[in-house]
Protein backbone atom coordinates (compact mmCIF):
# COMPACT_ATOMS: atom_id res chain seq x y z
CA UNK A 1 17.92 30.53 11.79
CA UNK A 2 16.50 29.13 8.60
CA UNK A 3 12.89 28.16 8.02
CA UNK A 4 11.88 25.85 5.24
CA UNK A 5 8.31 25.71 4.04
CA UNK A 6 6.62 22.50 2.96
CA UNK A 7 4.70 23.04 -0.28
CA UNK A 8 3.36 19.46 -0.42
CA UNK A 9 -0.22 20.43 0.58
CA UNK A 10 -0.32 22.91 -2.30
CA UNK A 11 0.72 20.25 -4.81
CA UNK A 12 -2.44 18.30 -3.97
CA UNK A 13 -4.84 21.08 -4.94
CA UNK A 14 -3.06 22.96 -7.72
CA UNK A 15 -2.19 22.10 -11.29
CA UNK A 16 0.42 23.80 -13.43
CA UNK A 17 2.10 25.75 -10.63
CA UNK A 18 5.14 23.46 -10.40
CA UNK A 19 7.45 26.19 -11.67
CA UNK A 20 6.27 28.62 -8.99
CA UNK A 21 6.92 26.10 -6.23
CA UNK A 22 10.35 25.33 -7.68
CA UNK A 23 11.18 29.05 -7.70
CA UNK A 24 10.14 29.35 -4.07
CA UNK A 25 12.21 26.30 -3.11
CA UNK A 26 15.25 27.68 -4.97
CA UNK A 27 14.86 31.06 -3.25
CA UNK A 28 14.91 29.31 0.12
CA UNK A 29 18.22 27.66 -0.73
CA UNK A 30 19.98 30.93 -1.58
CA UNK A 31 22.42 31.96 1.07
CA UNK A 32 22.79 35.49 2.36
CA UNK A 33 26.55 35.23 1.80
CA UNK A 34 26.07 35.64 -1.94
CA UNK A 35 25.81 39.43 -1.83
CA UNK A 36 28.51 40.37 -4.33
CA UNK A 37 28.33 42.21 -6.61
CA UNK A 38 25.61 44.46 -5.22
CA UNK A 39 22.68 45.10 -7.54
CA UNK A 40 19.34 46.90 -7.83
CA UNK A 41 16.20 45.80 -9.67
CA UNK A 42 14.09 48.75 -10.82
CA UNK A 43 10.63 48.72 -12.40
CA UNK A 44 10.82 51.53 -14.96
CA UNK A 45 7.40 51.09 -16.58
CA UNK A 46 4.34 48.87 -16.79
CA UNK A 47 6.32 46.09 -18.52
CA UNK A 48 9.87 47.45 -18.28
CA UNK A 49 12.56 46.57 -15.74
CA UNK A 50 16.23 47.34 -15.24
CA UNK A 51 18.93 45.49 -13.33
CA UNK A 52 21.87 47.62 -12.22
CA UNK A 53 25.01 45.91 -10.92
CA UNK A 54 28.05 47.59 -9.39
CA UNK A 55 30.97 45.99 -11.23
CA UNK A 56 33.76 48.51 -10.65
CA UNK A 57 37.02 47.46 -12.26
CA UNK A 58 35.41 45.15 -14.83
CA UNK A 59 35.55 46.01 -18.52
CA UNK A 60 32.98 44.97 -21.13
CA UNK A 61 35.21 42.08 -22.19
CA UNK A 62 35.31 40.76 -18.61
CA UNK A 63 31.51 40.39 -18.43
CA UNK A 64 29.26 37.79 -20.03
CA UNK A 65 25.45 38.07 -20.09
CA UNK A 66 23.31 35.16 -21.31
CA UNK A 67 19.60 34.41 -21.20
CA UNK A 68 18.71 30.72 -21.08
CA UNK A 69 14.96 30.22 -21.14
CA UNK A 70 13.74 31.98 -18.00
CA UNK A 71 17.13 32.52 -16.39
CA UNK A 72 19.42 35.50 -16.89
CA UNK A 73 23.04 34.72 -16.04
CA UNK A 74 25.61 37.48 -15.52
CA UNK A 75 29.22 36.33 -15.18
CA UNK A 76 32.32 38.34 -14.50
CA UNK A 77 35.87 37.10 -14.77
CA UNK A 78 38.79 39.48 -14.64
CA UNK A 79 42.28 38.57 -15.74
CA UNK A 80 44.82 38.92 -12.95
CA UNK A 81 46.89 42.06 -13.56
CA UNK A 82 50.53 42.03 -12.48
CA UNK A 83 51.07 45.77 -12.03
CA UNK A 84 52.70 45.72 -8.63
CA UNK A 85 52.46 44.33 -5.15
CA UNK A 86 49.20 45.17 -3.36
CA UNK A 87 49.57 46.42 0.18
CA UNK A 88 45.78 46.64 0.48
CA UNK A 89 43.19 45.36 -1.97
CA UNK A 90 39.79 46.94 -1.39
CA UNK A 91 38.37 46.87 -4.91
CA UNK A 92 36.90 43.43 -5.40
CA UNK A 93 37.78 41.93 -8.74
CA UNK A 94 36.89 38.36 -7.99
CA UNK A 95 35.02 36.10 -10.36
CA UNK A 96 31.26 36.06 -9.92
CA UNK A 97 28.11 34.52 -11.35
CA UNK A 98 24.72 36.02 -10.60
CA UNK A 99 21.47 34.35 -11.71
CA UNK A 100 18.08 36.03 -12.05
CA UNK A 101 14.87 34.04 -12.56
CA UNK A 102 12.75 35.72 -15.23
CA UNK A 103 9.01 35.44 -15.65
CA UNK A 104 7.56 34.08 -18.86
CA UNK A 105 7.81 36.42 -21.85
CA UNK A 106 10.52 38.62 -20.28
CA UNK A 107 13.44 39.27 -22.59
CA UNK A 108 16.65 41.27 -22.40
CA UNK A 109 16.51 44.38 -24.57
CA UNK A 110 20.05 45.68 -24.10
CA UNK A 111 22.93 46.08 -21.69
CA UNK A 112 25.40 48.88 -21.07
CA UNK A 113 28.39 49.52 -18.83
CA UNK A 114 28.87 53.11 -17.64
CA UNK A 115 31.03 54.33 -14.75
CA UNK A 116 31.29 50.84 -13.23
CA UNK A 117 27.52 50.21 -13.33
CA UNK A 118 26.23 47.42 -15.57
CA UNK A 119 22.64 48.20 -16.64
CA UNK A 120 20.49 45.47 -18.18
CA UNK A 121 17.14 46.54 -19.64
CA UNK A 122 14.35 43.94 -19.58
CA UNK A 123 10.92 44.00 -21.18
CA UNK A 124 7.90 41.77 -20.72
CA UNK A 125 6.18 41.14 -24.04
CA UNK A 126 2.99 39.16 -23.67
CA UNK A 127 1.93 37.54 -26.98
CA UNK A 128 -1.28 38.83 -28.55
CA UNK A 129 -2.98 35.45 -28.04
CA UNK A 130 -2.48 35.75 -24.27
CA UNK A 131 -3.63 39.36 -23.88
CA UNK A 132 -7.14 40.05 -22.65
CA UNK A 133 -9.61 40.62 -25.46
CA UNK A 134 -13.04 42.20 -25.54
CA UNK A 135 -15.89 39.84 -26.44
CA UNK A 136 -18.77 41.43 -28.28
CA UNK A 137 -22.26 40.47 -27.15
CA UNK A 138 -24.44 39.48 -30.08
CA UNK A 139 -28.17 38.85 -30.58
CA UNK A 140 -27.89 35.18 -29.65
CA UNK A 141 -28.11 33.73 -33.15
CA UNK A 142 -25.12 31.61 -33.99
CA UNK A 143 -24.01 31.51 -37.58
CA UNK A 144 -21.73 28.73 -38.57
CA UNK A 145 -19.11 29.51 -41.16
CA UNK A 146 -19.79 27.76 -44.47
CA UNK A 147 -17.93 24.48 -44.82
CA UNK A 148 -15.37 24.29 -47.59
CA UNK A 149 -13.92 21.21 -49.14
CA UNK A 150 -10.26 21.54 -49.72
CA UNK A 151 -9.06 20.49 -53.16
CA UNK A 152 -6.24 18.02 -53.38
CA UNK A 153 -2.91 19.68 -53.77
CA UNK A 154 -0.32 18.16 -56.01
CA UNK A 155 3.24 18.20 -54.83
CA UNK A 156 5.72 19.22 -57.49
């Protein structure tokens, strides 16, 4: 059974949260069938994260990782090997595409493939202008910076 939430009442009283509502709508549309390859998301520090995907049988050349704005896309495509007739095929080598929505200011630091586990390190780097800053309390007298007249510059 699938429940869909109506975010229309929230649109009436909020400004600038469109992206959040879109993320929630997109998450509702995801189907539970899309569970391959399995992955973990680990918070390794205050602003550090790691995605680990089980991609057994894939080599580095079979995987493609791209970050487009706030979306991380991991694709895997394995060339069909003709090394015999399979009586049973239990190791999945099918093509996949997995998308991860990233928050603002999250970037991929590096990726590695070890023992069939693809590890992608992520870091959130908030710009200095957006970090909290301490405001000093003064004596109440406001001093205006002296006005300067800019001289005309001649273009060479």
